[in-house]
Amino acid sequence: MFDLDGVLVDSEPVWEEVRRAFVADHGGTWQPDTQSRLMGMSTPEWAAYLHELGVRMAPDDIARGVVEQMAARYRDEVPLMPGAVEAVRRLSEQITLGLASSSPRRLIDVVLDAAELKGCFAATVSTEEVPRGKPAPDGYLEAARRMEVDPRGCVAVEDSSNGLRSAHAAGMRVIAVPHPHYPPAPDALALAWRVVPDLGALTVESLG
């Protein structure tokens, strides 16, 4: 099971830049812990949170505006993580892959289409499609349900604190690939079954 943001796509800097500017442009105040709190939230959750920061718009309008800006950025260029395409294609040749992402469905599809990876995944889930975003396990559990597999037999690849907590709560073994600029909290990293430096270290053998 792959996460998307921070694992396959170096999107956290883009998300932060877009949402930080959106908050500032619409009367809100970005807090020191805002970015870390946002990582892993579903679209309704982070839109409601930005509204709480003082953005003078309804949460649905906040979500629509931010996602449109993100899609525009991705249309210019999808910032894939080094080795992302190679890792997904390498693993998909031998094992069944799923994806559980906090990104909206629209952005998941843009990324997978641009990278020509959509066919590598048996199931993809946006936390828009489940009751709760990460750190709740809902997204990972739904991906396993769609794939008709036991989540306890799955390995998840994650980078963020909330992502690690989510996959662990779903009963999956978790491989952490920490983002150099957005490292997970020590207590979240402690939940990882393994920690690897980059996607190049992911092999079928490393998942056993």
N, C-alpha and C. Protein backbone atom coordinates (compact mmCIF):
# COMPACT_ATOMS: atom_id res chain seq x y z
N MET A 1 0.84 -1.19 0.00
CA MET A 1 0.00 0.00 0.00
C MET A 1 0.88 1.24 0.00
N PHE A 2 0.71 2.09 -0.97
CA PHE A 2 1.48 3.33 -1.04
C PHE A 2 0.64 4.51 -0.58
N ASP A 3 1.28 5.42 0.11
CA ASP A 3 0.78 6.77 0.26
C ASP A 3 1.19 7.51 -1.02
N LEU A 4 0.63 8.69 -1.23
CA LEU A 4 0.97 9.48 -2.42
C LEU A 4 1.84 10.68 -2.05
N ASP A 5 1.27 11.61 -1.30
CA ASP A 5 1.98 12.85 -0.96
C ASP A 5 3.17 12.57 -0.04
N GLY A 6 4.35 12.99 -0.48
CA GLY A 6 5.55 12.80 0.32
C GLY A 6 6.24 11.48 0.10
N VAL A 7 5.54 10.53 -0.54
CA VAL A 7 6.14 9.23 -0.85
C VAL A 7 6.40 9.11 -2.34
N LEU A 8 5.34 9.24 -3.15
CA LEU A 8 5.50 9.19 -4.60
C LEU A 8 5.63 10.57 -5.23
N VAL A 9 5.03 11.56 -4.59
CA VAL A 9 5.07 12.93 -5.11
C VAL A 9 5.63 13.85 -4.04
N ASP A 10 6.57 14.69 -4.42
CA ASP A 10 7.15 15.65 -3.47
C ASP A 10 6.22 16.86 -3.39
N SER A 11 5.01 16.59 -2.90
CA SER A 11 3.95 17.58 -2.96
C SER A 11 3.80 18.42 -1.71
N GLU A 12 4.39 17.98 -0.60
CA GLU A 12 4.19 18.74 0.64
C GLU A 12 4.66 20.19 0.52
N PRO A 13 5.81 20.47 -0.11
CA PRO A 13 6.19 21.87 -0.29
C PRO A 13 5.17 22.65 -1.13
N VAL A 14 4.58 22.00 -2.13
CA VAL A 14 3.59 22.67 -2.97
C VAL A 14 2.32 22.92 -2.18
N TRP A 15 1.85 21.88 -1.46
CA TRP A 15 0.67 22.06 -0.61
C TRP A 15 0.88 23.20 0.38
N GLU A 16 2.04 23.22 1.02
CA GLU A 16 2.28 24.26 2.02
C GLU A 16 2.28 25.64 1.37
N GLU A 17 2.95 25.78 0.24
CA GLU A 17 3.02 27.07 -0.44
C GLU A 17 1.62 27.54 -0.87
N VAL A 18 0.83 26.63 -1.45
CA VAL A 18 -0.50 27.00 -1.94
C VAL A 18 -1.43 27.33 -0.78
N ARG A 19 -1.45 26.48 0.24
CA ARG A 19 -2.39 26.72 1.34
C ARG A 19 -1.97 27.91 2.20
N ARG A 20 -0.66 28.08 2.39
CA ARG A 20 -0.19 29.23 3.18
C ARG A 20 -0.59 30.54 2.49
N ALA A 21 -0.41 30.61 1.17
CA ALA A 21 -0.78 31.81 0.43
C ALA A 21 -2.29 32.01 0.44
N PHE A 22 -3.04 30.91 0.34
CA PHE A 22 -4.49 31.00 0.34
C PHE A 22 -5.00 31.56 1.66
N VAL A 23 -4.43 31.07 2.75
CA VAL A 23 -4.81 31.57 4.08
C VAL A 23 -4.51 33.06 4.19
N ALA A 24 -3.32 33.46 3.78
CA ALA A 24 -2.93 34.86 3.88
C ALA A 24 -3.81 35.75 3.00
N ASP A 25 -4.14 35.26 1.82
CA ASP A 25 -4.93 36.06 0.86
C ASP A 25 -6.38 36.23 1.28
N HIS A 26 -6.85 35.35 2.19
CA HIS A 26 -8.26 35.38 2.55
C HIS A 26 -8.49 35.63 4.04
N GLY A 27 -7.55 36.36 4.66
CA GLY A 27 -7.77 36.87 6.00
C GLY A 27 -7.43 35.96 7.15
N GLY A 28 -6.82 34.81 6.88
CA GLY A 28 -6.47 33.90 7.95
C GLY A 28 -5.06 34.11 8.48
N THR A 29 -4.71 33.34 9.51
CA THR A 29 -3.39 33.43 10.12
C THR A 29 -2.79 32.04 10.22
N TRP A 30 -1.69 31.83 9.51
CA TRP A 30 -0.97 30.55 9.52
C TRP A 30 -0.23 30.41 10.85
N GLN A 31 -0.39 29.27 11.51
CA GLN A 31 0.24 29.03 12.80
C GLN A 31 1.52 28.21 12.65
N PRO A 32 2.41 28.24 13.66
CA PRO A 32 3.67 27.49 13.55
C PRO A 32 3.49 26.00 13.33
N ASP A 33 2.41 25.43 13.87
CA ASP A 33 2.20 23.99 13.73
C ASP A 33 1.21 23.63 12.64
N THR A 34 0.80 24.61 11.83
CA THR A 34 -0.25 24.36 10.85
C THR A 34 0.13 23.28 9.85
N GLN A 35 1.32 23.35 9.26
CA GLN A 35 1.69 22.38 8.24
C GLN A 35 1.71 20.96 8.80
N SER A 36 2.28 20.77 9.97
CA SER A 36 2.35 19.42 10.54
C SER A 36 0.95 18.89 10.86
N ARG A 37 0.05 19.77 11.27
CA ARG A 37 -1.31 19.34 11.57
C ARG A 37 -2.07 18.99 10.29
N LEU A 38 -1.79 19.68 9.22
CA LEU A 38 -2.50 19.46 7.96
C LEU A 38 -2.14 18.14 7.30
N MET A 39 -0.92 17.67 7.50
CA MET A 39 -0.43 16.49 6.78
C MET A 39 -1.26 15.26 7.17
N GLY A 40 -1.94 14.68 6.19
CA GLY A 40 -2.75 13.51 6.41
C GLY A 40 -4.23 13.79 6.52
N MET A 41 -4.62 15.05 6.75
CA MET A 41 -6.04 15.36 6.84
C MET A 41 -6.73 15.14 5.50
N SER A 42 -8.00 14.72 5.57
CA SER A 42 -8.80 14.63 4.36
C SER A 42 -9.18 16.04 3.91
N THR A 43 -9.70 16.15 2.69
CA THR A 43 -10.08 17.46 2.16
C THR A 43 -11.09 18.18 3.05
N PRO A 44 -12.19 17.55 3.46
CA PRO A 44 -13.12 18.27 4.35
C PRO A 44 -12.48 18.70 5.66
N GLU A 45 -11.57 17.87 6.18
CA GLU A 45 -10.92 18.19 7.45
C GLU A 45 -10.00 19.40 7.33
N TRP A 46 -9.15 19.42 6.27
CA TRP A 46 -8.22 20.56 6.21
C TRP A 46 -8.94 21.83 5.78
N ALA A 47 -10.00 21.71 4.99
CA ALA A 47 -10.75 22.91 4.61
C ALA A 47 -11.43 23.52 5.84
N ALA A 48 -11.97 22.68 6.71
CA ALA A 48 -12.57 23.18 7.94
C ALA A 48 -11.52 23.81 8.85
N TYR A 49 -10.34 23.20 8.88
CA TYR A 49 -9.26 23.74 9.71
C TYR A 49 -8.79 25.11 9.19
N LEU A 50 -8.66 25.27 7.88
CA LEU A 50 -8.27 26.57 7.34
C LEU A 50 -9.34 27.62 7.64
N HIS A 51 -10.58 27.20 7.63
CA HIS A 51 -11.66 28.12 8.01
C HIS A 51 -11.48 28.57 9.46
N GLU A 52 -11.08 27.64 10.33
CA GLU A 52 -10.84 27.97 11.74
C GLU A 52 -9.67 28.94 11.90
N LEU A 53 -8.74 28.93 10.95
CA LEU A 53 -7.60 29.86 11.00
C LEU A 53 -8.00 31.27 10.59
N GLY A 54 -9.26 31.45 10.20
CA GLY A 54 -9.74 32.79 9.89
C GLY A 54 -10.02 33.06 8.44
N VAL A 55 -9.92 32.03 7.58
CA VAL A 55 -10.23 32.23 6.16
C VAL A 55 -11.72 32.54 6.03
N ARG A 56 -12.03 33.65 5.40
CA ARG A 56 -13.41 34.14 5.35
C ARG A 56 -14.16 33.54 4.16
N MET A 57 -14.24 32.22 4.14
CA MET A 57 -14.96 31.49 3.11
C MET A 57 -15.54 30.23 3.74
N ALA A 58 -16.57 29.69 3.13
CA ALA A 58 -17.10 28.40 3.58
C ALA A 58 -16.08 27.30 3.28
N PRO A 59 -16.01 26.25 4.13
CA PRO A 59 -15.04 25.19 3.89
C PRO A 59 -15.11 24.58 2.48
N ASP A 60 -16.31 24.39 1.93
CA ASP A 60 -16.41 23.83 0.58
C ASP A 60 -15.74 24.74 -0.45
N ASP A 61 -15.88 26.04 -0.28
CA ASP A 61 -15.26 26.99 -1.20
C ASP A 61 -13.75 27.03 -1.01
N ILE A 62 -13.30 26.88 0.23
CA ILE A 62 -11.87 26.80 0.51
C ILE A 62 -11.27 25.60 -0.21
N ALA A 63 -11.91 24.45 -0.04
CA ALA A 63 -11.41 23.22 -0.68
C ALA A 63 -11.36 23.38 -2.19
N ARG A 64 -12.42 23.92 -2.76
CA ARG A 64 -12.48 24.08 -4.22
C ARG A 64 -11.36 24.99 -4.72
N GLY A 65 -11.13 26.10 -4.01
CA GLY A 65 -10.11 27.05 -4.43
C GLY A 65 -8.70 26.49 -4.32
N VAL A 66 -8.41 25.81 -3.22
CA VAL A 66 -7.07 25.25 -3.03
C VAL A 66 -6.80 24.12 -4.02
N VAL A 67 -7.77 23.22 -4.19
CA VAL A 67 -7.56 22.09 -5.10
C VAL A 67 -7.39 22.58 -6.54
N GLU A 68 -8.11 23.62 -6.92
CA GLU A 68 -7.94 24.17 -8.27
C GLU A 68 -6.52 24.70 -8.45
N GLN A 69 -5.99 25.37 -7.44
CA GLN A 69 -4.62 25.87 -7.54
C GLN A 69 -3.61 24.72 -7.59
N MET A 70 -3.86 23.67 -6.80
CA MET A 70 -2.97 22.51 -6.83
C MET A 70 -3.01 21.84 -8.20
N ALA A 71 -4.20 21.68 -8.77
CA ALA A 71 -4.32 21.05 -10.08
C ALA A 71 -3.60 21.86 -11.14
N ALA A 72 -3.68 23.19 -11.03
CA ALA A 72 -2.97 24.06 -11.98
C ALA A 72 -1.47 23.86 -11.87
N ARG A 73 -0.97 23.74 -10.64
CA ARG A 73 0.46 23.51 -10.46
C ARG A 73 0.87 22.16 -11.05
N TYR A 74 0.04 21.15 -10.83
CA TYR A 74 0.36 19.82 -11.34
C TYR A 74 0.28 19.75 -12.87
N ARG A 75 -0.60 20.56 -13.44
CA ARG A 75 -0.66 20.58 -14.90
C ARG A 75 0.64 21.11 -15.50
N ASP A 76 1.29 22.00 -14.77
CA ASP A 76 2.59 22.51 -15.21
C ASP A 76 3.68 21.46 -15.02
N GLU A 77 3.66 20.80 -13.84
CA GLU A 77 4.66 19.78 -13.56
C GLU A 77 4.25 19.00 -12.31
N VAL A 78 4.32 17.68 -12.40
CA VAL A 78 4.10 16.84 -11.22
C VAL A 78 5.46 16.56 -10.59
N PRO A 79 5.68 17.00 -9.35
CA PRO A 79 6.99 16.84 -8.72
C PRO A 79 7.19 15.45 -8.13
N LEU A 80 7.43 14.48 -8.99
CA LEU A 80 7.60 13.10 -8.53
C LEU A 80 8.85 12.95 -7.68
N MET A 81 8.76 12.12 -6.66
CA MET A 81 9.93 11.83 -5.83
C MET A 81 10.93 11.00 -6.63
N PRO A 82 12.22 11.16 -6.34
CA PRO A 82 13.22 10.35 -7.04
C PRO A 82 12.94 8.85 -6.87
N GLY A 83 12.93 8.15 -7.99
CA GLY A 83 12.73 6.70 -7.96
C GLY A 83 11.31 6.25 -7.80
N ALA A 84 10.34 7.19 -7.78
CA ALA A 84 8.94 6.80 -7.53
C ALA A 84 8.39 5.90 -8.63
N VAL A 85 8.53 6.33 -9.87
CA VAL A 85 7.98 5.56 -10.99
C VAL A 85 8.64 4.19 -11.06
N GLU A 86 9.95 4.17 -10.90
CA GLU A 86 10.69 2.90 -10.98
C GLU A 86 10.25 1.94 -9.87
N ALA A 87 10.07 2.48 -8.64
CA ALA A 87 9.69 1.62 -7.51
C ALA A 87 8.31 1.01 -7.72
N VAL A 88 7.36 1.83 -8.15
CA VAL A 88 6.00 1.32 -8.36
C VAL A 88 5.99 0.27 -9.46
N ARG A 89 6.64 0.55 -10.57
CA ARG A 89 6.63 -0.42 -11.67
C ARG A 89 7.37 -1.70 -11.29
N ARG A 90 8.48 -1.55 -10.57
CA ARG A 90 9.26 -2.73 -10.15
C ARG A 90 8.42 -3.64 -9.26
N LEU A 91 7.75 -3.06 -8.28
CA LEU A 91 6.98 -3.86 -7.33
C LEU A 91 5.71 -4.42 -7.97
N SER A 92 5.07 -3.64 -8.86
CA SER A 92 3.81 -4.08 -9.44
C SER A 92 3.97 -5.30 -10.34
N GLU A 93 5.19 -5.55 -10.78
CA GLU A 93 5.43 -6.72 -11.62
C GLU A 93 5.33 -8.02 -10.82
N GLN A 94 5.45 -7.92 -9.48
CA GLN A 94 5.51 -9.13 -8.67
C GLN A 94 4.45 -9.21 -7.57
N ILE A 95 3.93 -8.06 -7.13
CA ILE A 95 2.94 -8.06 -6.06
C ILE A 95 1.80 -7.10 -6.40
N THR A 96 0.68 -7.26 -5.70
CA THR A 96 -0.48 -6.41 -5.92
C THR A 96 -0.34 -5.13 -5.10
N LEU A 97 -0.54 -3.98 -5.74
CA LEU A 97 -0.36 -2.70 -5.09
C LEU A 97 -1.69 -1.97 -4.92
N GLY A 98 -1.78 -1.23 -3.83
CA GLY A 98 -2.89 -0.32 -3.59
C GLY A 98 -2.34 1.03 -3.19
N LEU A 99 -3.23 2.02 -3.13
CA LEU A 99 -2.82 3.38 -2.76
C LEU A 99 -3.91 3.98 -1.88
N ALA A 100 -3.49 4.58 -0.76
CA ALA A 100 -4.41 5.27 0.15
C ALA A 100 -3.85 6.66 0.40
N SER A 101 -4.53 7.67 -0.11
CA SER A 101 -4.00 9.03 -0.10
C SER A 101 -4.96 10.02 0.52
N SER A 102 -4.39 11.04 1.14
CA SER A 102 -5.21 12.15 1.65
C SER A 102 -5.55 13.15 0.56
N SER A 103 -4.94 13.02 -0.59
CA SER A 103 -5.25 13.94 -1.69
C SER A 103 -6.66 13.72 -2.21
N PRO A 104 -7.27 14.77 -2.76
CA PRO A 104 -8.56 14.59 -3.42
C PRO A 104 -8.43 13.65 -4.62
N ARG A 105 -9.52 12.98 -4.96
CA ARG A 105 -9.52 12.07 -6.11
C ARG A 105 -9.01 12.76 -7.36
N ARG A 106 -9.39 14.00 -7.55
CA ARG A 106 -8.99 14.73 -8.76
C ARG A 106 -7.46 14.79 -8.88
N LEU A 107 -6.78 15.04 -7.77
CA LEU A 107 -5.32 15.16 -7.82
C LEU A 107 -4.65 13.80 -7.92
N ILE A 108 -5.22 12.79 -7.27
CA ILE A 108 -4.68 11.44 -7.41
C ILE A 108 -4.67 11.04 -8.88
N ASP A 109 -5.78 11.27 -9.55
CA ASP A 109 -5.88 10.88 -10.96
C ASP A 109 -4.93 11.68 -11.84
N VAL A 110 -4.77 12.97 -11.56
CA VAL A 110 -3.83 13.80 -12.34
C VAL A 110 -2.42 13.24 -12.22
N VAL A 111 -2.01 12.90 -11.00
CA VAL A 111 -0.64 12.41 -10.77
C VAL A 111 -0.43 11.06 -11.44
N LEU A 112 -1.35 10.12 -11.21
CA LEU A 112 -1.16 8.77 -11.76
C LEU A 112 -1.24 8.75 -13.27
N ASP A 113 -2.07 9.61 -13.84
CA ASP A 113 -2.13 9.71 -15.30
C ASP A 113 -0.83 10.29 -15.86
N ALA A 114 -0.33 11.36 -15.21
CA ALA A 114 0.89 12.01 -15.70
C ALA A 114 2.09 11.08 -15.61
N ALA A 115 2.13 10.28 -14.54
CA ALA A 115 3.26 9.36 -14.35
C ALA A 115 3.05 8.02 -15.04
N GLU A 116 1.88 7.84 -15.65
CA GLU A 116 1.53 6.59 -16.32
C GLU A 116 1.63 5.40 -15.37
N LEU A 117 1.06 5.59 -14.17
CA LEU A 117 1.12 4.56 -13.14
C LEU A 117 -0.26 4.00 -12.75
N LYS A 118 -1.32 4.54 -13.32
CA LYS A 118 -2.66 4.14 -12.88
C LYS A 118 -2.86 2.64 -12.99
N GLY A 119 -2.35 2.04 -14.03
CA GLY A 119 -2.53 0.61 -14.22
C GLY A 119 -1.74 -0.26 -13.27
N CYS A 120 -0.86 0.34 -12.49
CA CYS A 120 -0.04 -0.43 -11.54
C CYS A 120 -0.78 -0.72 -10.24
N PHE A 121 -1.91 -0.04 -10.00
CA PHE A 121 -2.61 -0.16 -8.72
C PHE A 121 -3.94 -0.88 -8.89
N ALA A 122 -4.15 -1.88 -8.05
CA ALA A 122 -5.42 -2.61 -8.07
C ALA A 122 -6.55 -1.79 -7.47
N ALA A 123 -6.22 -0.88 -6.56
CA ALA A 123 -7.22 -0.01 -5.94
C ALA A 123 -6.54 1.27 -5.48
N THR A 124 -7.23 2.38 -5.63
CA THR A 124 -6.75 3.66 -5.09
C THR A 124 -7.89 4.29 -4.31
N VAL A 125 -7.55 4.87 -3.16
CA VAL A 125 -8.56 5.45 -2.28
C VAL A 125 -8.12 6.85 -1.89
N SER A 126 -9.05 7.78 -1.98
CA SER A 126 -8.88 9.12 -1.41
C SER A 126 -9.61 9.16 -0.08
N THR A 127 -9.02 9.83 0.91
CA THR A 127 -9.72 9.91 2.19
C THR A 127 -10.99 10.77 2.09
N GLU A 128 -11.22 11.42 0.94
CA GLU A 128 -12.53 12.02 0.68
C GLU A 128 -13.62 10.95 0.64
N GLU A 129 -13.22 9.72 0.34
CA GLU A 129 -14.17 8.64 0.10
C GLU A 129 -14.46 7.80 1.34
N VAL A 130 -13.88 8.17 2.47
CA VAL A 130 -14.08 7.44 3.73
C VAL A 130 -14.46 8.44 4.82
N PRO A 131 -15.00 7.97 5.94
CA PRO A 131 -15.46 8.90 6.97
C PRO A 131 -14.37 9.77 7.58
N ARG A 132 -13.18 9.21 7.79
CA ARG A 132 -12.13 9.95 8.50
C ARG A 132 -10.81 9.90 7.74
N GLY A 133 -10.07 11.01 7.81
CA GLY A 133 -8.74 11.04 7.22
C GLY A 133 -7.70 10.49 8.18
N LYS A 134 -6.45 10.46 7.73
CA LYS A 134 -5.35 10.04 8.58
C LYS A 134 -5.20 11.04 9.73
N PRO A 135 -4.89 10.60 10.95
CA PRO A 135 -4.32 9.31 11.37
C PRO A 135 -5.31 8.17 11.58
N ALA A 136 -6.60 8.39 11.34
CA ALA A 136 -7.55 7.27 11.41
C ALA A 136 -7.20 6.25 10.32
N PRO A 137 -7.51 4.99 10.52
CA PRO A 137 -7.11 3.94 9.56
C PRO A 137 -8.05 3.78 8.37
N ASP A 138 -9.10 4.61 8.27
CA ASP A 138 -10.17 4.37 7.31
C ASP A 138 -9.70 4.18 5.88
N GLY A 139 -8.80 5.05 5.41
CA GLY A 139 -8.35 4.98 4.03
C GLY A 139 -7.64 3.67 3.71
N TYR A 140 -6.76 3.25 4.60
CA TYR A 140 -6.03 2.00 4.38
C TYR A 140 -6.97 0.80 4.46
N LEU A 141 -7.91 0.83 5.40
CA LEU A 141 -8.85 -0.27 5.52
C LEU A 141 -9.73 -0.37 4.28
N GLU A 142 -10.13 0.77 3.73
CA GLU A 142 -10.96 0.76 2.53
C GLU A 142 -10.17 0.24 1.32
N ALA A 143 -8.90 0.61 1.22
CA ALA A 143 -8.08 0.10 0.12
C ALA A 143 -7.95 -1.42 0.21
N ALA A 144 -7.73 -1.93 1.41
CA ALA A 144 -7.64 -3.39 1.58
C ALA A 144 -8.97 -4.06 1.25
N ARG A 145 -10.08 -3.42 1.65
CA ARG A 145 -11.40 -3.99 1.35
C ARG A 145 -11.62 -4.08 -0.15
N ARG A 146 -11.27 -3.01 -0.87
CA ARG A 146 -11.45 -3.01 -2.33
C ARG A 146 -10.56 -4.05 -3.01
N MET A 147 -9.41 -4.32 -2.40
CA MET A 147 -8.49 -5.29 -2.97
C MET A 147 -8.80 -6.71 -2.50
N GLU A 148 -9.76 -6.83 -1.56
CA GLU A 148 -10.16 -8.12 -1.00
C GLU A 148 -8.99 -8.84 -0.35
N VAL A 149 -8.24 -8.08 0.46
CA VAL A 149 -7.10 -8.64 1.20
C VAL A 149 -7.23 -8.27 2.67
N ASP A 150 -6.58 -9.04 3.51
CA ASP A 150 -6.54 -8.78 4.95
C ASP A 150 -5.53 -7.66 5.20
N PRO A 151 -5.94 -6.55 5.82
CA PRO A 151 -4.98 -5.48 6.06
C PRO A 151 -3.78 -5.92 6.88
N ARG A 152 -3.96 -6.94 7.71
CA ARG A 152 -2.85 -7.41 8.54
C ARG A 152 -1.76 -8.11 7.72
N GLY A 153 -2.09 -8.42 6.48
CA GLY A 153 -1.09 -9.01 5.58
C GLY A 153 -0.48 -8.01 4.63
N CYS A 154 -0.78 -6.72 4.84
CA CYS A 154 -0.29 -5.68 3.94
C CYS A 154 0.90 -4.93 4.56
N VAL A 155 1.70 -4.36 3.67
CA VAL A 155 2.79 -3.47 4.06
C VAL A 155 2.49 -2.10 3.46
N ALA A 156 2.51 -1.07 4.30
CA ALA A 156 2.25 0.30 3.84
C ALA A 156 3.55 1.08 3.78
N VAL A 157 3.65 1.96 2.81
CA VAL A 157 4.82 2.83 2.64
C VAL A 157 4.39 4.25 2.93
N GLU A 158 4.94 4.86 3.97
CA GLU A 158 4.49 6.16 4.45
C GLU A 158 5.67 7.07 4.79
N ASP A 159 5.36 8.37 4.88
CA ASP A 159 6.40 9.34 5.24
C ASP A 159 6.03 10.20 6.43
N SER A 160 4.75 10.51 6.62
CA SER A 160 4.34 11.50 7.61
C SER A 160 3.91 10.86 8.91
N SER A 161 3.85 11.67 9.96
CA SER A 161 3.41 11.18 11.26
C SER A 161 2.01 10.60 11.18
N ASN A 162 1.07 11.38 10.61
CA ASN A 162 -0.30 10.91 10.54
C ASN A 162 -0.46 9.69 9.64
N GLY A 163 0.34 9.63 8.59
CA GLY A 163 0.30 8.47 7.71
C GLY A 163 0.79 7.21 8.39
N LEU A 164 1.89 7.32 9.12
CA LEU A 164 2.42 6.18 9.86
C LEU A 164 1.41 5.69 10.89
N ARG A 165 0.78 6.64 11.58
CA ARG A 165 -0.21 6.26 12.58
C ARG A 165 -1.42 5.59 11.94
N SER A 166 -1.82 6.09 10.78
CA SER A 166 -2.97 5.55 10.07
C SER A 166 -2.74 4.11 9.66
N ALA A 167 -1.64 3.85 8.98
CA ALA A 167 -1.36 2.49 8.50
C ALA A 167 -1.17 1.53 9.67
N HIS A 168 -0.50 1.98 10.71
CA HIS A 168 -0.30 1.14 11.90
C HIS A 168 -1.64 0.81 12.55
N ALA A 169 -2.52 1.80 12.64
CA ALA A 169 -3.84 1.58 13.23
C ALA A 169 -4.67 0.60 12.40
N ALA A 170 -4.39 0.53 11.10
CA ALA A 170 -5.09 -0.41 10.23
C ALA A 170 -4.56 -1.83 10.38
N GLY A 171 -3.51 -2.01 11.16
CA GLY A 171 -2.94 -3.32 11.38
C GLY A 171 -1.88 -3.71 10.38
N MET A 172 -1.42 -2.76 9.57
CA MET A 172 -0.41 -3.04 8.56
C MET A 172 0.99 -2.85 9.11
N ARG A 173 1.93 -3.59 8.57
CA ARG A 173 3.34 -3.28 8.82
C ARG A 173 3.67 -2.03 8.00
N VAL A 174 4.46 -1.16 8.58
CA VAL A 174 4.69 0.12 7.93
C VAL A 174 6.18 0.32 7.66
N ILE A 175 6.48 0.63 6.41
CA ILE A 175 7.84 1.04 6.04
C ILE A 175 7.84 2.57 5.94
N ALA A 176 8.71 3.19 6.69
CA ALA A 176 8.81 4.65 6.68
C ALA A 176 9.90 5.09 5.72
N VAL A 177 9.55 6.06 4.88
CA VAL A 177 10.52 6.73 4.01
C VAL A 177 10.44 8.21 4.38
N PRO A 178 11.14 8.62 5.43
CA PRO A 178 10.97 9.99 5.93
C PRO A 178 11.36 11.05 4.90
N HIS A 179 10.52 12.07 4.79
CA HIS A 179 10.84 13.20 3.92
C HIS A 179 11.89 14.05 4.62
N PRO A 180 12.95 14.45 3.91
CA PRO A 180 14.04 15.18 4.57
C PRO A 180 13.62 16.52 5.17
N HIS A 181 12.60 17.16 4.59
CA HIS A 181 12.19 18.48 5.08
C HIS A 181 10.94 18.44 5.95
N TYR A 182 10.26 17.30 5.97
CA TYR A 182 9.04 17.15 6.78
C TYR A 182 9.12 15.82 7.53
N PRO A 183 10.12 15.63 8.39
CA PRO A 183 10.29 14.34 9.06
C PRO A 183 9.15 14.05 10.03
N PRO A 184 8.80 12.78 10.18
CA PRO A 184 7.75 12.42 11.13
C PRO A 184 8.22 12.61 12.57
N ALA A 185 7.26 12.74 13.46
CA ALA A 185 7.58 12.85 14.89
C ALA A 185 8.19 11.54 15.37
N PRO A 186 9.08 11.61 16.35
CA PRO A 186 9.75 10.39 16.83
C PRO A 186 8.78 9.29 17.28
N ASP A 187 7.69 9.67 17.93
CA ASP A 187 6.76 8.63 18.40
C ASP A 187 6.06 7.96 17.23
N ALA A 188 5.81 8.70 16.15
CA ALA A 188 5.20 8.11 14.97
C ALA A 188 6.21 7.22 14.23
N LEU A 189 7.43 7.69 14.12
CA LEU A 189 8.46 6.90 13.44
C LEU A 189 8.71 5.58 14.18
N ALA A 190 8.52 5.60 15.49
CA ALA A 190 8.72 4.39 16.28
C ALA A 190 7.73 3.29 15.93
N LEU A 191 6.63 3.65 15.26
CA LEU A 191 5.63 2.67 14.85
C LEU A 191 6.06 1.90 13.60
N ALA A 192 7.08 2.40 12.92
CA ALA A 192 7.50 1.79 11.66
C ALA A 192 8.13 0.42 11.90
N TRP A 193 7.80 -0.49 11.01
CA TRP A 193 8.42 -1.81 11.01
C TRP A 193 9.85 -1.71 10.48
N ARG A 194 10.01 -0.90 9.44
CA ARG A 194 11.34 -0.63 8.88
C ARG A 194 11.40 0.83 8.46
N VAL A 195 12.61 1.37 8.43
CA VAL A 195 12.86 2.72 7.94
C VAL A 195 13.89 2.62 6.83
N VAL A 196 13.56 3.18 5.66
CA VAL A 196 14.49 3.14 4.53
C VAL A 196 14.79 4.56 4.08
N PRO A 197 15.96 4.79 3.48
CA PRO A 197 16.35 6.15 3.12
C PRO A 197 15.65 6.71 1.89
N ASP A 198 15.23 5.83 0.99
CA ASP A 198 14.61 6.30 -0.25
C ASP A 198 13.87 5.15 -0.91
N LEU A 199 13.17 5.46 -2.00
CA LEU A 199 12.35 4.45 -2.68
C LEU A 199 13.20 3.41 -3.39
N GLY A 200 14.44 3.74 -3.66
CA GLY A 200 15.32 2.77 -4.29
C GLY A 200 15.56 1.53 -3.42
N ALA A 201 15.35 1.68 -2.12
CA ALA A 201 15.55 0.57 -1.19
C ALA A 201 14.36 -0.37 -1.13
N LEU A 202 13.26 -0.01 -1.80
CA LEU A 202 12.07 -0.86 -1.77
C LEU A 202 12.18 -1.95 -2.82
N THR A 203 12.25 -3.18 -2.36
CA THR A 203 12.25 -4.33 -3.24
C THR A 203 11.25 -5.34 -2.68
N VAL A 204 10.89 -6.32 -3.47
CA VAL A 204 9.99 -7.35 -2.97
C VAL A 204 10.60 -8.03 -1.76
N GLU A 205 11.90 -8.25 -1.80
CA GLU A 205 12.57 -8.91 -0.67
C GLU A 205 12.49 -8.08 0.61
N SER A 206 12.52 -6.75 0.47
CA SER A 206 12.49 -5.88 1.65
C SER A 206 11.12 -5.89 2.31
N LEU A 207 10.10 -6.38 1.61
CA LEU A 207 8.73 -6.39 2.16
C LEU A 207 8.42 -7.68 2.89
N GLY A 208 9.32 -8.64 2.80
CA GLY A 208 9.05 -9.93 3.40
C GLY A 208 9.39 -10.01 4.88
